[in-house]
Amino acid sequence: MNRTFTYLFGLLFLGGAVLAYGGQFSPDYEHLKPLEWQIGDWVTEFQATSDAGPFKKGDKVTVNASIRWSPERSFLVNNSSSEVNGKKVVTGLEINFWNREKSIISHSHYGTFGSGQGVWTKVGDKAELEWTIEGQHGTFKGKSYLTRGDDSWEWQIKEQTQNGERIPVMPLTTFRRKTGAPAGELWQAFQEAVVGTWNGKGLLGSDDKTLGLSKGDPFEYRITWRPDLEGRILVGEGEFRVVGKAYADKSRLFAGWDPDAGNVRLTAFWSSGLVEEGTYQRKQGTAFLGTYTEKTPGGQTRRARLSSDFPDANTNVLKLLDGPRKGETLSSFKREK
């Protein structure tokens, strides 16, 4: 289905985030809830006790972890990176999910060390994860032990092997929650600018004959932002319609701080199957400047740079920063009082 690229900018950047549409979470959430205390941005340091992959014995390793819920809290997602002497040497993506067939919390890992699977053998304030990773440095197996603390948690890997050979137990280390700069001024300014209910309007940028839509057709879009998880994310839901036409769509979106990239990150999921992603890298005057990516079902991926300007507390104006419609207003929104 050929979607109209230009009007969809208006759908994402006055969107909210949805981890729960209509207040409902995934039925898997109750099974994952005992690990919910891991949500947040964390950092720790330890000294490597042996050579393992890119780590050398004696290296001082700094680990950053950002743990978030996926939409509807169906998955617990961990984006992590490890640095030695200020240089990033390891990155990883970990996904924890309820395995309905086996009635266990399963774990998938993808990253520098390779890919692998695991299972949580114990959950709660004391948790244990047994895992296997295979990659360019061989096969690693081990068990991670986690203990919840006061705005911190302890972590240690034991019973670890590389290609069947025992590796020394890594030292016990403590992850501490990041505060201040990691999710600082840009994220706070973004929240202050957009929280609330907004009514938007604009004109379609191209024809879509399969949907009976024409370039210049007026559209309306209503979205509500609200904070969740103690302000660490924004959640909401939106409704879009083309005036005088049968076409309408609903969105589920979420926004949060990406500590690894140092920007505000947004993702939008539409009932039509469209997925939109965006980031805000900086603020210039009253405008947030960023990038946008549109992914259509079975269609092409399109990208552009975008400005979301708040000339006053109750107005938002969206403009393109490149392409044939550079500088043109795509849509404008007014805050609902």
Protein backbone atom coordinates (compact mmCIF):
# COMPACT_ATOMS: atom_id res chain seq x y z
CA MET A 1 0.00 0.00 0.00
CA ASN A 2 1.50 3.33 -1.07
CA ARG A 3 1.26 5.71 1.86
CA THR A 4 1.60 9.49 1.61
CA PHE A 5 5.05 10.22 2.96
CA THR A 6 4.53 13.89 3.72
CA TYR A 7 1.39 13.69 5.81
CA LEU A 8 2.80 10.87 7.93
CA PHE A 9 5.34 13.23 9.45
CA GLY A 10 2.43 14.77 11.28
CA LEU A 11 1.43 11.42 12.69
CA LEU A 12 4.67 10.65 14.47
CA PHE A 13 6.06 13.87 15.82
CA LEU A 14 3.01 14.95 17.72
CA GLY A 15 2.55 11.38 18.90
CA GLY A 16 2.77 9.89 22.31
CA ALA A 17 4.03 6.57 23.47
CA VAL A 18 1.97 3.53 24.07
CA LEU A 19 3.09 0.76 26.29
CA ALA A 20 -0.54 0.16 27.09
CA TYR A 21 -3.33 1.08 24.72
CA GLY A 22 -6.56 1.72 26.57
CA GLY A 23 -4.85 0.79 29.83
CA GLN A 24 -4.29 -2.85 28.85
CA PHE A 25 -0.95 -4.66 29.00
CA SER A 26 0.00 -7.86 27.27
CA PRO A 27 -1.03 -11.00 29.21
CA ASP A 28 2.69 -11.87 29.26
CA TYR A 29 3.40 -8.83 31.44
CA GLU A 30 2.37 -10.59 34.65
CA HIS A 31 5.01 -13.26 34.04
CA LEU A 32 7.73 -10.66 33.30
CA LYS A 33 6.75 -8.33 36.13
CA PRO A 34 9.19 -9.91 38.69
CA LEU A 35 12.04 -8.49 36.56
CA GLU A 36 10.49 -5.01 36.26
CA TRP A 37 12.90 -3.51 38.82
CA GLN A 38 15.61 -3.70 36.14
CA ILE A 39 13.95 -0.91 34.12
CA GLY A 40 16.24 2.13 33.77
CA ASP A 41 19.65 3.36 32.64
CA TRP A 42 22.58 1.79 34.52
CA VAL A 43 26.38 1.85 34.65
CA THR A 44 29.05 -0.27 36.38
CA GLU A 45 32.81 -0.89 36.28
CA PHE A 46 34.90 -4.02 36.91
CA GLN A 47 38.33 -5.45 36.15
CA ALA A 48 38.47 -8.39 33.73
CA THR A 49 39.77 -11.53 35.43
CA SER A 50 40.77 -13.33 32.21
CA ASP A 51 41.08 -13.03 28.44
CA ALA A 52 37.60 -13.40 26.94
CA GLY A 53 36.78 -12.23 23.43
CA PRO A 54 37.80 -8.55 23.10
CA PHE A 55 38.53 -8.32 26.86
CA LYS A 56 42.03 -8.91 28.19
CA LYS A 57 42.93 -9.86 31.74
CA GLY A 58 43.31 -6.70 33.83
CA ASP A 59 41.21 -4.47 31.53
CA LYS A 60 39.06 -1.93 33.36
CA VAL A 61 35.62 -2.42 31.81
CA THR A 62 32.75 0.07 31.94
CA VAL A 63 29.31 -1.36 31.14
CA ASN A 64 26.28 0.79 30.23
CA ALA A 65 22.83 -0.79 30.15
CA SER A 66 19.48 0.68 29.11
CA ILE A 67 16.54 -1.60 29.98
CA ARG A 68 13.05 -0.80 28.67
CA TRP A 69 9.62 -2.30 28.08
CA SER A 70 8.47 -2.93 24.54
CA PRO A 71 4.95 -1.73 23.60
CA GLU A 72 2.26 -3.38 25.74
CA ARG A 73 5.06 -4.75 27.97
CA SER A 74 5.35 -7.92 25.93
CA PHE A 75 9.16 -7.93 26.13
CA LEU A 76 11.86 -6.61 28.44
CA VAL A 77 14.64 -5.20 26.21
CA ASN A 78 18.24 -4.44 27.24
CA ASN A 79 20.58 -2.38 25.02
CA SER A 80 24.10 -2.51 26.44
CA SER A 81 27.65 -1.49 25.59
CA SER A 82 31.06 -2.12 27.19
CA GLU A 83 34.08 0.18 27.03
CA VAL A 84 37.79 -0.36 27.71
CA ASN A 85 39.89 2.80 28.13
CA GLY A 86 37.03 4.87 26.75
CA LYS A 87 36.70 2.78 23.57
CA LYS A 88 33.52 0.82 22.93
CA VAL A 89 34.47 -2.83 22.31
CA VAL A 90 31.20 -4.71 22.92
CA THR A 91 27.55 -3.99 22.16
CA GLY A 92 24.56 -6.19 22.80
CA LEU A 93 20.80 -6.46 22.51
CA GLU A 94 18.98 -8.75 24.94
CA ILE A 95 15.28 -9.62 24.81
CA ASN A 96 13.45 -11.33 27.65
CA PHE A 97 10.02 -12.82 26.92
CA TRP A 98 7.47 -15.27 28.25
CA ASN A 99 7.77 -18.60 26.46
CA ARG A 100 4.18 -19.81 26.47
CA GLU A 101 5.03 -23.26 25.17
CA LYS A 102 7.50 -23.99 27.98
CA SER A 103 5.96 -21.67 30.63
CA ILE A 104 9.32 -20.02 31.36
CA ILE A 105 10.95 -16.62 30.84
CA SER A 106 13.30 -17.04 27.88
CA HIS A 107 16.21 -14.85 26.90
CA SER A 108 17.73 -14.00 23.49
CA HIS A 109 21.07 -12.26 22.97
CA TYR A 110 22.54 -10.59 19.86
CA GLY A 111 25.80 -8.66 19.84
CA THR A 112 29.56 -8.47 19.45
CA PHE A 113 30.14 -11.80 21.18
CA GLY A 114 27.59 -13.46 18.90
CA SER A 115 24.05 -14.68 19.42
CA GLY A 116 22.53 -17.06 21.90
CA GLN A 117 19.69 -18.15 24.09
CA GLY A 118 19.04 -18.49 27.78
CA VAL A 119 16.43 -19.09 30.43
CA TRP A 120 15.66 -17.40 33.73
CA THR A 121 15.87 -20.14 36.36
CA LYS A 122 14.96 -17.74 39.17
CA VAL A 123 13.19 -14.35 39.16
CA GLY A 124 12.39 -11.71 41.76
CA ASP A 125 14.72 -9.58 43.90
CA LYS A 126 17.26 -12.37 43.45
CA ALA A 127 17.36 -13.58 39.84
CA GLU A 128 19.44 -16.11 37.91
CA LEU A 129 19.93 -16.41 34.14
CA GLU A 130 21.54 -19.42 32.49
CA TRP A 131 22.79 -18.70 28.95
CA THR A 132 24.82 -19.79 25.91
CA ILE A 133 26.38 -17.48 23.27
CA GLU A 134 28.08 -18.58 20.06
CA GLY A 135 30.21 -16.28 17.89
CA GLN A 136 33.61 -15.49 16.41
CA HIS A 137 35.36 -16.08 19.75
CA GLY A 138 33.78 -19.49 20.24
CA THR A 139 31.04 -20.83 22.49
CA PHE A 140 30.47 -19.16 25.85
CA LYS A 141 28.29 -20.65 28.56
CA GLY A 142 27.57 -19.32 32.02
CA LYS A 143 25.13 -18.22 34.66
CA SER A 144 24.40 -14.61 35.66
CA TYR A 145 23.39 -13.84 39.26
CA LEU A 146 21.49 -10.60 39.97
CA THR A 147 20.48 -9.14 43.34
CA ARG A 148 18.27 -6.07 43.65
CA GLY A 149 19.53 -3.21 45.82
CA ASP A 150 18.46 0.34 46.70
CA ASP A 151 18.40 2.03 43.26
CA SER A 152 21.17 -0.40 42.26
CA TRP A 153 21.70 -4.10 41.62
CA GLU A 154 24.57 -6.51 41.90
CA TRP A 155 25.68 -8.68 38.98
CA GLN A 156 28.14 -11.54 38.70
CA ILE A 157 28.84 -14.29 36.15
CA LYS A 158 29.81 -17.70 37.51
CA GLU A 159 30.25 -21.18 36.09
CA GLN A 160 31.48 -19.64 32.83
CA THR A 161 33.28 -21.55 30.07
CA GLN A 162 34.76 -20.68 26.68
CA ASN A 163 34.86 -23.56 24.21
CA GLY A 164 34.36 -25.94 27.14
CA GLU A 165 37.24 -24.57 29.20
CA ARG A 166 36.52 -22.98 32.58
CA ILE A 167 36.93 -19.19 32.84
CA PRO A 168 37.63 -17.55 36.24
CA VAL A 169 34.58 -16.15 38.01
CA MET A 170 34.12 -12.50 37.14
CA PRO A 171 34.19 -10.08 40.10
CA LEU A 172 30.96 -9.08 41.81
CA THR A 173 29.99 -5.63 40.50
CA THR A 174 27.18 -3.15 41.18
CA PHE A 175 25.06 -1.42 38.54
CA ARG A 176 24.05 2.06 39.68
CA ARG A 177 21.28 4.11 38.14
CA LYS A 178 22.36 6.93 35.85
CA THR A 179 21.07 10.38 36.76
CA GLY A 180 21.42 13.88 35.39
CA ALA A 181 23.17 14.20 32.04
CA PRO A 182 22.39 10.74 30.56
CA ALA A 183 18.71 11.71 30.35
CA GLY A 184 19.13 15.42 30.89
CA GLU A 185 18.16 18.72 29.32
CA LEU A 186 17.01 17.58 25.87
CA TRP A 187 14.69 14.89 27.25
CA GLN A 188 13.30 17.20 29.95
CA ALA A 189 12.69 19.98 27.43
CA PHE A 190 10.94 17.57 25.07
CA GLN A 191 8.60 16.34 27.80
CA GLU A 192 7.76 19.87 28.95
CA ALA A 193 6.97 20.88 25.37
CA VAL A 194 4.66 18.03 24.35
CA VAL A 195 2.83 16.60 27.40
CA GLY A 196 -0.90 17.19 26.96
CA THR A 197 -3.56 16.77 24.27
CA TRP A 198 -3.06 18.25 20.81
CA ASN A 199 -5.27 18.72 17.74
CA GLY A 200 -3.45 18.85 14.43
CA LYS A 201 -4.27 19.49 10.79
CA GLY A 202 -2.51 19.51 7.44
CA LEU A 203 -2.75 18.56 3.77
CA LEU A 204 -1.81 15.26 2.15
CA GLY A 205 1.40 15.53 0.14
CA SER A 206 0.59 13.02 -2.63
CA ASP A 207 -2.11 10.86 -4.19
CA ASP A 208 -2.97 7.35 -3.05
CA LYS A 209 -5.52 5.99 -5.49
CA THR A 210 -5.77 2.62 -3.70
CA LEU A 211 -7.19 4.48 -0.69
CA GLY A 212 -9.14 7.08 -2.67
CA LEU A 213 -6.91 9.88 -1.38
CA SER A 214 -5.65 12.91 -3.32
CA LYS A 215 -2.83 15.35 -2.86
CA GLY A 216 -4.13 18.36 -0.95
CA ASP A 217 -6.86 16.48 0.94
CA PRO A 218 -7.13 17.96 4.45
CA PHE A 219 -6.46 15.69 7.43
CA GLU A 220 -6.98 15.94 11.19
CA TYR A 221 -5.00 14.23 13.93
CA ARG A 222 -5.57 14.16 17.69
CA ILE A 223 -2.92 12.86 20.09
CA THR A 224 -2.38 12.77 23.84
CA TRP A 225 0.99 12.63 25.59
CA ARG A 226 1.36 11.56 29.22
CA PRO A 227 4.35 10.52 31.32
CA ASP A 228 4.80 7.00 32.72
CA LEU A 229 7.42 5.05 34.67
CA GLU A 230 8.22 8.08 36.83
CA GLY A 231 8.84 10.29 33.80
CA ARG A 232 11.26 7.95 32.06
CA ILE A 233 8.92 7.52 29.08
CA LEU A 234 5.93 9.21 27.47
CA VAL A 235 2.84 7.21 26.57
CA GLY A 236 -0.34 7.96 24.68
CA GLU A 237 -2.58 7.13 21.71
CA GLY A 238 -3.70 8.96 18.61
CA GLU A 239 -6.44 9.06 15.99
CA PHE A 240 -5.99 10.23 12.39
CA ARG A 241 -8.60 10.87 9.71
CA VAL A 242 -8.84 12.42 6.26
CA VAL A 243 -11.63 15.03 6.20
CA GLY A 244 -14.53 14.03 3.96
CA LYS A 245 -13.05 10.61 3.16
CA ALA A 246 -13.52 7.15 4.66
CA TYR A 247 -9.85 6.76 5.55
CA ALA A 248 -8.88 6.70 9.25
CA ASP A 249 -6.08 5.13 11.29
CA LYS A 250 -5.05 4.64 14.93
CA SER A 251 -1.56 4.74 16.39
CA ARG A 252 0.31 3.22 19.31
CA LEU A 253 3.56 5.03 19.98
CA PHE A 254 6.25 5.45 22.60
CA ALA A 255 9.06 7.91 23.30
CA GLY A 256 12.05 7.78 25.62
CA TRP A 257 15.69 8.66 26.12
CA ASP A 258 18.33 6.56 24.37
CA PRO A 259 21.39 6.86 26.64
CA ASP A 260 23.70 5.14 24.18
CA ALA A 261 22.95 7.50 21.29
CA GLY A 262 22.24 10.49 23.55
CA ASN A 263 18.95 11.46 21.90
CA VAL A 264 15.17 11.29 22.23
CA ARG A 265 13.88 8.23 20.39
CA LEU A 266 10.32 7.65 19.13
CA THR A 267 8.58 4.67 17.53
CA ALA A 268 5.06 4.59 16.13
CA PHE A 269 2.98 1.51 15.31
CA TRP A 270 -0.15 1.99 13.18
CA SER A 271 -3.16 -0.27 12.81
CA SER A 272 -2.48 -0.25 9.06
CA GLY A 273 0.91 -1.91 9.64
CA LEU A 274 3.01 1.20 9.09
CA VAL A 275 6.01 1.70 11.41
CA GLU A 276 7.60 5.11 11.97
CA GLU A 277 10.82 5.82 13.83
CA GLY A 278 12.41 9.10 14.74
CA THR A 279 15.08 10.73 16.85
CA TYR A 280 15.70 14.23 18.16
CA GLN A 281 19.41 14.95 18.38
CA ARG A 282 19.35 18.59 19.51
CA LYS A 283 17.30 21.68 20.31
CA GLN A 284 17.89 24.96 18.51
CA GLY A 285 15.92 27.90 19.86
CA THR A 286 12.30 26.73 20.12
CA ALA A 287 12.73 23.84 17.65
CA PHE A 288 13.70 20.19 18.13
CA LEU A 289 15.80 18.94 15.20
CA GLY A 290 15.92 15.29 14.21
CA THR A 291 15.53 12.51 11.68
CA TYR A 292 12.55 10.47 10.53
CA THR A 293 12.19 6.98 9.01
CA GLU A 294 8.99 5.54 7.51
CA LYS A 295 8.59 1.80 6.89
CA THR A 296 5.55 0.65 4.92
CA PRO A 297 4.32 -2.96 4.75
CA GLY A 298 5.90 -4.42 1.63
CA GLY A 299 7.04 -0.97 0.55
CA GLN A 300 10.14 1.15 0.60
CA THR A 301 11.86 2.80 3.55
CA ARG A 302 12.05 6.60 3.40
CA ARG A 303 14.09 9.00 5.49
CA ALA A 304 14.28 12.75 5.99
CA ARG A 305 15.39 15.43 8.43
CA LEU A 306 12.68 17.24 10.35
CA SER A 307 12.08 20.28 12.56
CA SER A 308 9.40 20.30 15.26
CA ASP A 309 9.05 23.93 16.34
CA PHE A 310 7.17 25.26 19.39
CA PRO A 311 6.94 29.04 18.79
CA ASP A 312 4.73 29.22 21.88
CA ALA A 313 3.58 26.80 24.58
CA ASN A 314 0.40 25.87 22.69
CA THR A 315 1.63 25.53 19.09
CA ASN A 316 3.73 22.97 17.22
CA VAL A 317 4.77 23.36 13.58
CA LEU A 318 6.43 20.55 11.59
CA LYS A 319 8.73 21.31 8.64
CA LEU A 320 11.07 19.35 6.38
CA LEU A 321 14.76 20.26 6.43
CA ASP A 322 15.66 18.60 3.12
CA GLY A 323 14.07 17.20 -0.04
CA PRO A 324 11.73 18.84 -2.56
CA ARG A 325 9.47 20.23 0.20
CA LYS A 326 12.31 21.75 2.20
CA GLY A 327 11.03 24.52 4.50
CA GLU A 328 7.37 23.74 3.80
CA THR A 329 4.95 23.35 6.73
CA LEU A 330 3.72 19.76 6.81
CA SER A 331 1.23 20.13 9.64
CA SER A 332 0.49 22.29 12.66
CA PHE A 333 -0.98 21.48 16.06
CA LYS A 334 -2.70 23.38 18.83
CA ARG A 335 -2.74 22.30 22.46
CA GLU A 336 -6.21 21.44 23.76
CA LYS A 337 -7.02 23.43 26.90
